[in-house]
């Protein structure tokens, strides 16, 4: 299976150009690093490996590429509006960031948001995760899919599509629900407002999925650029189990945490529980729903076992 996937991504018929880390880093060699070590530490997710060299080699060139895409997209939109005799208005550039649980996509999204804010032309960058569009736990229980939280059917896809459509159409103050990882649930009555950003980054497990049979549009139809964060499945499993243990010693110790009971388990029992979560929930979701969307990406960040990006795959133009 791994060999088939490798051939699909790098073979003669692959839609991607494979760029080594060294060659990719050279594309951003003349770009000044705008972030400090402290800022990078604040952006870094639990269990992720992110340092100044990783930012310089991988994410500075990517942010510059995205900045160029934004400028060209806005220019094309203005030209099209002029051709149609319409008054051109600024349309938000939308970036989707997808990948497995524990692969580091949240860190990638936060980092790109910070870098893009420092480029001319994109000072206003909003970041929204699809967690906020999960159905509340009570609704998941009612539907009998609480054990499939994170699978496509656990999201209010209609609300998510409406949110992104409103953003893309230039509406003011578009509201998104708020998800609490502490409560492991939607916070009733709370929302975040997104107001005409230059760039909107949407991060989530399934954001690159194709349209559903009952819906003519997919979320990714609204995206101008699609990023997939990729790694070997065994590496992702290792990162997931490592993160679970760190959460056990950290956030799970909070009595208000939904997962507080795991902090009080014996270490062996907690490890077995995490293994079960991976084998029964996260691995099937990755294999069935997430990994198949990789081919829809504009750009793939391929990580090695140490969490560092080893190569970049860019869709052929």
Protein backbone atom coordinates (compact mmCIF):
# COMPACT_ATOMS: atom_id res chain seq x y z
CA UNK A 1 0.00 0.00 0.00
CA UNK A 2 2.82 2.41 0.91
CA UNK A 3 4.57 1.66 -2.41
CA UNK A 4 1.35 2.33 -4.37
CA UNK A 5 0.92 5.65 -2.62
CA UNK A 6 4.56 6.59 -3.26
CA UNK A 7 4.12 5.87 -6.97
CA UNK A 8 0.92 7.93 -7.06
CA UNK A 9 2.69 10.95 -5.56
CA UNK A 10 6.09 10.78 -7.22
CA UNK A 11 5.61 8.57 -10.30
CA UNK A 12 5.56 9.62 -13.92
CA UNK A 13 1.81 10.32 -13.86
CA UNK A 14 1.86 12.19 -10.57
CA UNK A 15 0.22 15.66 -10.64
CA UNK A 16 3.00 16.95 -8.34
CA UNK A 17 6.53 18.23 -8.76
CA UNK A 18 8.70 16.92 -5.91
CA UNK A 19 11.05 19.53 -4.43
CA UNK A 20 13.70 18.54 -1.91
CA UNK A 21 13.95 20.48 1.34
CA UNK A 22 17.31 21.92 0.28
CA UNK A 23 16.01 23.17 -3.07
CA UNK A 24 12.84 24.51 -1.45
CA UNK A 25 14.85 26.38 1.21
CA UNK A 26 16.88 28.13 -1.48
CA UNK A 27 13.67 29.66 -2.85
CA UNK A 28 13.38 31.73 0.31
CA UNK A 29 17.06 32.42 0.88
CA UNK A 30 16.70 36.17 0.32
CA UNK A 31 13.63 36.50 2.56
CA UNK A 32 14.10 38.05 5.98
CA UNK A 33 12.87 36.04 8.97
CA UNK A 34 10.16 38.15 10.70
CA UNK A 35 9.57 35.91 13.74
CA UNK A 36 11.51 35.59 16.98
CA UNK A 37 12.35 32.37 18.83
CA UNK A 38 9.76 33.24 21.50
CA UNK A 39 7.05 33.74 18.88
CA UNK A 40 7.89 30.39 17.31
CA UNK A 41 7.62 28.66 20.70
CA UNK A 42 4.17 30.17 21.22
CA UNK A 43 3.01 28.92 17.82
CA UNK A 44 4.39 25.40 18.28
CA UNK A 45 1.80 22.74 19.07
CA UNK A 46 2.12 20.05 21.71
CA UNK A 47 4.44 17.34 20.44
CA UNK A 48 5.43 19.24 17.29
CA UNK A 49 9.02 20.06 16.43
CA UNK A 50 9.39 23.63 15.23
CA UNK A 51 12.50 25.76 15.37
CA UNK A 52 13.98 28.75 13.56
CA UNK A 53 15.67 26.58 10.92
CA UNK A 54 12.39 24.84 10.07
CA UNK A 55 10.67 28.21 9.69
CA UNK A 56 13.45 29.58 7.49
CA UNK A 57 13.82 26.48 5.30
CA UNK A 58 10.17 25.54 4.83
CA UNK A 59 7.62 28.11 5.90
CA UNK A 60 9.20 31.37 4.78
CA UNK A 61 9.32 30.19 1.15
CA UNK A 62 5.76 28.87 1.47
CA UNK A 63 4.50 32.17 2.89
CA UNK A 64 6.16 34.02 0.02
CA UNK A 65 4.55 31.69 -2.51
CA UNK A 66 1.16 32.21 -0.88
CA UNK A 67 1.68 35.98 -0.91
CA UNK A 68 2.32 35.80 -4.66
CA UNK A 69 -0.80 33.68 -5.14
CA UNK A 70 -2.88 36.22 -3.22
CA UNK A 71 -1.59 39.10 -5.35
CA UNK A 72 -2.19 37.24 -8.62
CA UNK A 73 -5.66 36.09 -7.57
CA UNK A 74 -6.68 39.60 -6.60
CA UNK A 75 -5.30 40.95 -9.87
CA UNK A 76 -7.23 38.34 -11.88
CA UNK A 77 -10.41 39.12 -9.95
CA UNK A 78 -10.03 42.84 -10.64
CA UNK A 79 -9.42 42.19 -14.36
CA UNK A 80 -12.46 39.91 -14.56
CA UNK A 81 -14.66 42.47 -12.82
CA UNK A 82 -13.44 45.17 -15.21
CA UNK A 83 -14.18 42.91 -18.19
CA UNK A 84 -17.71 42.29 -16.91
CA UNK A 85 -18.24 45.97 -16.22
CA UNK A 86 -18.58 45.40 -12.50
CA UNK A 87 -17.09 47.30 -9.62
CA UNK A 88 -14.23 45.19 -8.29
CA UNK A 89 -14.24 44.49 -4.58
CA UNK A 90 -11.62 42.73 -2.53
CA UNK A 91 -12.36 39.02 -2.15
CA UNK A 92 -10.74 37.08 0.69
CA UNK A 93 -8.14 34.52 -0.35
CA UNK A 94 -8.96 31.21 1.34
CA UNK A 95 -6.37 28.56 2.26
CA UNK A 96 -7.31 25.07 3.41
CA UNK A 97 -4.93 23.09 5.63
CA UNK A 98 -5.70 19.37 5.97
CA UNK A 99 -4.08 16.28 7.46
CA UNK A 100 -4.36 13.64 10.15
CA UNK A 101 -4.79 14.20 13.84
CA UNK A 102 -1.34 14.76 15.46
CA UNK A 103 0.42 15.47 12.15
CA UNK A 104 0.96 19.14 13.06
CA UNK A 105 -1.53 20.87 10.76
CA UNK A 106 -2.67 23.28 13.52
CA UNK A 107 0.91 24.45 14.00
CA UNK A 108 1.29 24.89 10.23
CA UNK A 109 -1.90 26.95 10.07
CA UNK A 110 -0.93 29.19 13.01
CA UNK A 111 2.57 29.71 11.64
CA UNK A 112 1.39 30.61 8.15
CA UNK A 113 -1.13 33.05 9.62
CA UNK A 114 1.63 34.85 11.53
CA UNK A 115 3.96 34.94 8.53
CA UNK A 116 1.32 36.14 6.08
CA UNK A 117 0.36 39.00 8.41
CA UNK A 118 3.87 40.33 7.92
CA UNK A 119 3.73 40.39 4.12
CA UNK A 120 2.60 43.49 2.25
CA UNK A 121 -0.92 43.06 0.95
CA UNK A 122 -2.07 40.52 3.55
CA UNK A 123 -2.00 42.24 6.96
CA UNK A 124 -5.44 40.92 7.97
CA UNK A 125 -5.37 37.13 8.33
CA UNK A 126 -8.06 35.09 10.08
CA UNK A 127 -7.72 31.47 11.18
CA UNK A 128 -10.71 29.20 11.79
CA UNK A 129 -10.68 25.49 12.62
CA UNK A 130 -13.48 23.19 11.58
CA UNK A 131 -13.74 21.92 15.19
CA UNK A 132 -16.25 24.71 15.76
CA UNK A 133 -18.55 23.13 13.20
CA UNK A 134 -18.69 19.75 14.88
CA UNK A 135 -22.18 18.92 16.08
CA UNK A 136 -22.54 19.40 19.87
CA UNK A 137 -21.98 16.21 21.85
CA UNK A 138 -25.69 15.97 22.66
CA UNK A 139 -26.50 15.91 18.94
CA UNK A 140 -23.76 13.36 18.24
CA UNK A 141 -25.22 11.17 20.97
CA UNK A 142 -28.72 11.59 19.56
CA UNK A 143 -27.48 10.48 16.14
CA UNK A 144 -25.52 7.58 17.60
CA UNK A 145 -22.19 8.79 16.18
CA UNK A 146 -20.34 10.03 19.25
CA UNK A 147 -17.68 7.37 18.63
CA UNK A 148 -17.21 8.81 15.12
CA UNK A 149 -16.42 12.35 16.23
CA UNK A 150 -14.04 13.80 13.65
CA UNK A 151 -15.47 11.70 10.80
CA UNK A 152 -17.17 13.72 8.02
CA UNK A 153 -20.69 12.97 9.25
CA UNK A 154 -19.93 14.50 12.67
CA UNK A 155 -19.73 18.02 11.20
CA UNK A 156 -22.53 20.42 10.38
CA UNK A 157 -21.37 20.63 6.78
CA UNK A 158 -24.24 22.84 5.69
CA UNK A 159 -23.33 25.47 8.32
CA UNK A 160 -19.65 25.22 7.38
CA UNK A 161 -20.39 25.72 3.69
CA UNK A 162 -22.61 28.71 4.49
CA UNK A 163 -19.87 30.24 6.65
CA UNK A 164 -17.23 29.97 3.93
CA UNK A 165 -19.65 31.14 1.23
CA UNK A 166 -20.45 34.24 3.28
CA UNK A 167 -16.74 34.96 3.77
CA UNK A 168 -16.01 34.52 0.07
CA UNK A 169 -18.85 36.85 -0.89
CA UNK A 170 -17.36 39.61 1.25
CA UNK A 171 -19.95 39.77 4.02
CA UNK A 172 -19.17 41.68 7.21
CA UNK A 173 -18.79 39.98 10.60
CA UNK A 174 -19.46 36.35 9.72
CA UNK A 175 -19.86 34.28 12.89
CA UNK A 176 -18.31 30.86 13.57
CA UNK A 177 -19.06 28.61 16.58
CA UNK A 178 -16.42 28.05 19.25
CA UNK A 179 -15.13 24.61 20.27
CA UNK A 180 -13.52 23.89 23.65
CA UNK A 181 -10.90 21.14 23.80
CA UNK A 182 -11.18 21.26 27.57
CA UNK A 183 -14.91 20.53 27.51
CA UNK A 184 -14.59 18.47 24.32
CA UNK A 185 -17.71 20.21 23.06
CA UNK A 186 -19.15 23.28 21.34
CA UNK A 187 -19.53 26.25 23.70
CA UNK A 188 -23.19 27.16 23.56
CA UNK A 189 -23.86 30.83 22.83
CA UNK A 190 -20.23 31.65 21.99
CA UNK A 191 -18.83 32.58 18.57
CA UNK A 192 -15.94 34.27 16.84
CA UNK A 193 -16.45 36.95 14.21
CA UNK A 194 -14.54 37.06 10.93
CA UNK A 195 -14.71 40.44 9.22
CA UNK A 196 -13.49 40.70 5.63
CA UNK A 197 -9.97 39.29 6.04
CA UNK A 198 -7.33 39.52 3.32
CA UNK A 199 -6.69 35.83 3.93
CA UNK A 200 -8.73 33.18 5.72
CA UNK A 201 -7.03 29.94 6.74
CA UNK A 202 -9.36 27.01 7.44
CA UNK A 203 -7.74 24.08 9.21
CA UNK A 204 -9.29 20.67 9.74
CA UNK A 205 -9.17 16.94 9.17
CA UNK A 206 -11.53 16.74 6.21
CA UNK A 207 -11.39 20.16 4.58
CA UNK A 208 -10.24 18.82 1.19
CA UNK A 209 -13.03 16.29 0.73
CA UNK A 210 -14.93 15.98 -2.54
CA UNK A 211 -18.61 16.98 -2.64
CA UNK A 212 -21.12 14.71 -0.93
CA UNK A 213 -23.83 13.04 -3.02
CA UNK A 214 -26.52 15.28 -1.53
CA UNK A 215 -24.51 18.50 -1.92
CA UNK A 216 -23.39 20.05 -5.24
CA UNK A 217 -20.49 21.92 -3.58
CA UNK A 218 -17.55 20.89 -1.44
CA UNK A 219 -15.89 23.10 1.13
CA UNK A 220 -12.69 22.98 -0.91
CA UNK A 221 -14.50 24.51 -3.91
CA UNK A 222 -14.16 27.83 -2.08
CA UNK A 223 -10.41 27.43 -1.48
CA UNK A 224 -7.80 29.29 -3.51
CA UNK A 225 -4.92 27.17 -2.19
CA UNK A 226 -4.98 23.73 -0.55
CA UNK A 227 -2.27 22.37 1.75
CA UNK A 228 -1.99 18.78 2.96
CA UNK A 229 0.40 17.91 5.80
CA UNK A 230 1.62 14.36 5.20
CA UNK A 231 3.69 11.74 7.04
CA UNK A 232 4.04 7.98 7.28
CA UNK A 233 1.15 6.42 9.20
CA UNK A 234 3.44 4.78 11.77
CA UNK A 235 5.06 8.14 12.50
CA UNK A 236 1.68 9.81 12.97
CA UNK A 237 0.65 7.03 15.35
CA UNK A 238 3.83 7.56 17.36
CA UNK A 239 3.18 11.31 17.55
CA UNK A 240 -0.43 10.73 18.56
CA UNK A 241 0.49 8.38 21.41
CA UNK A 242 3.25 10.73 22.56
CA UNK A 243 0.86 13.69 22.56
CA UNK A 244 -1.71 11.68 24.52
CA UNK A 245 0.84 11.02 27.24
CA UNK A 246 1.82 14.70 27.38
CA UNK A 247 -1.84 15.71 27.65
CA UNK A 248 -2.26 13.13 30.41
CA UNK A 249 0.43 14.87 32.39
CA UNK A 250 -0.87 18.32 31.49
CA UNK A 251 -4.33 19.39 30.32
CA UNK A 252 -6.03 16.16 31.43
CA UNK A 253 -5.07 16.82 35.05
CA UNK A 254 -7.58 19.70 35.10
CA UNK A 255 -10.69 18.38 36.89
CA UNK A 256 -12.82 20.28 34.35
CA UNK A 257 -11.27 18.39 31.44
CA UNK A 258 -13.54 15.94 29.62
CA UNK A 259 -10.57 13.53 29.64
CA UNK A 260 -9.66 14.00 33.31
CA UNK A 261 -10.29 10.30 34.02
CA UNK A 262 -7.33 9.34 31.80
CA UNK A 263 -4.95 11.37 33.96
CA UNK A 264 -5.84 9.17 36.92
CA UNK A 265 -5.37 5.85 35.09
CA UNK A 266 -2.38 3.60 35.51
CA UNK A 267 0.18 4.32 32.79
CA UNK A 268 -0.28 0.93 31.08
CA UNK A 269 -4.07 1.31 31.03
CA UNK A 270 -3.79 4.84 29.62
CA UNK A 271 -1.45 3.63 26.88
CA UNK A 272 -3.85 0.83 25.97
CA UNK A 273 -6.70 3.34 25.84
CA UNK A 274 -4.75 5.63 23.52
CA UNK A 275 -3.87 2.66 21.30
CA UNK A 276 -7.57 1.83 21.11
CA UNK A 277 -8.47 5.39 20.14
CA UNK A 278 -5.89 5.24 17.36
CA UNK A 279 -6.83 1.84 15.98
CA UNK A 280 -10.60 2.26 16.20
CA UNK A 281 -11.11 5.95 15.43
CA UNK A 282 -8.15 7.92 14.15
CA UNK A 283 -6.58 5.32 11.87
CA UNK A 284 -9.85 4.41 10.08
CA UNK A 285 -10.68 8.11 9.64
CA UNK A 286 -7.21 8.73 8.21
CA UNK A 287 -7.37 5.78 5.83
CA UNK A 288 -10.98 6.20 4.70
CA UNK A 289 -11.52 9.96 4.67
CA UNK A 290 -8.40 12.05 5.14
CA UNK A 291 -5.53 10.48 3.20
CA UNK A 292 -7.60 10.05 0.00
CA UNK A 293 -7.93 13.85 -0.18
CA UNK A 294 -4.17 14.35 -0.49
CA UNK A 295 -4.41 14.22 -4.30
CA UNK A 296 -6.70 17.29 -4.20
CA UNK A 297 -4.01 19.47 -2.61
CA UNK A 298 -2.14 22.30 -4.29
CA UNK A 299 0.88 21.64 -2.09
CA UNK A 300 1.91 18.75 0.17
CA UNK A 301 4.33 19.09 3.09
CA UNK A 302 5.94 15.68 3.62
CA UNK A 303 7.33 15.17 7.11
CA UNK A 304 9.96 12.74 8.29
CA UNK A 305 9.92 10.78 11.53
CA UNK A 306 11.35 13.76 13.46
CA UNK A 307 8.38 16.00 12.47
CA UNK A 308 10.60 18.08 10.14
CA UNK A 309 9.50 18.62 6.54
CA UNK A 310 11.73 16.60 4.21
CA UNK A 311 10.21 17.53 0.86
CA UNK A 312 7.50 19.64 -0.74
CA UNK A 313 5.16 18.47 -3.48
CA UNK A 314 3.73 21.29 -5.60
CA UNK A 315 0.93 20.68 -8.08
CA UNK A 316 2.05 21.05 -11.68
CA UNK A 317 0.62 24.12 -13.36
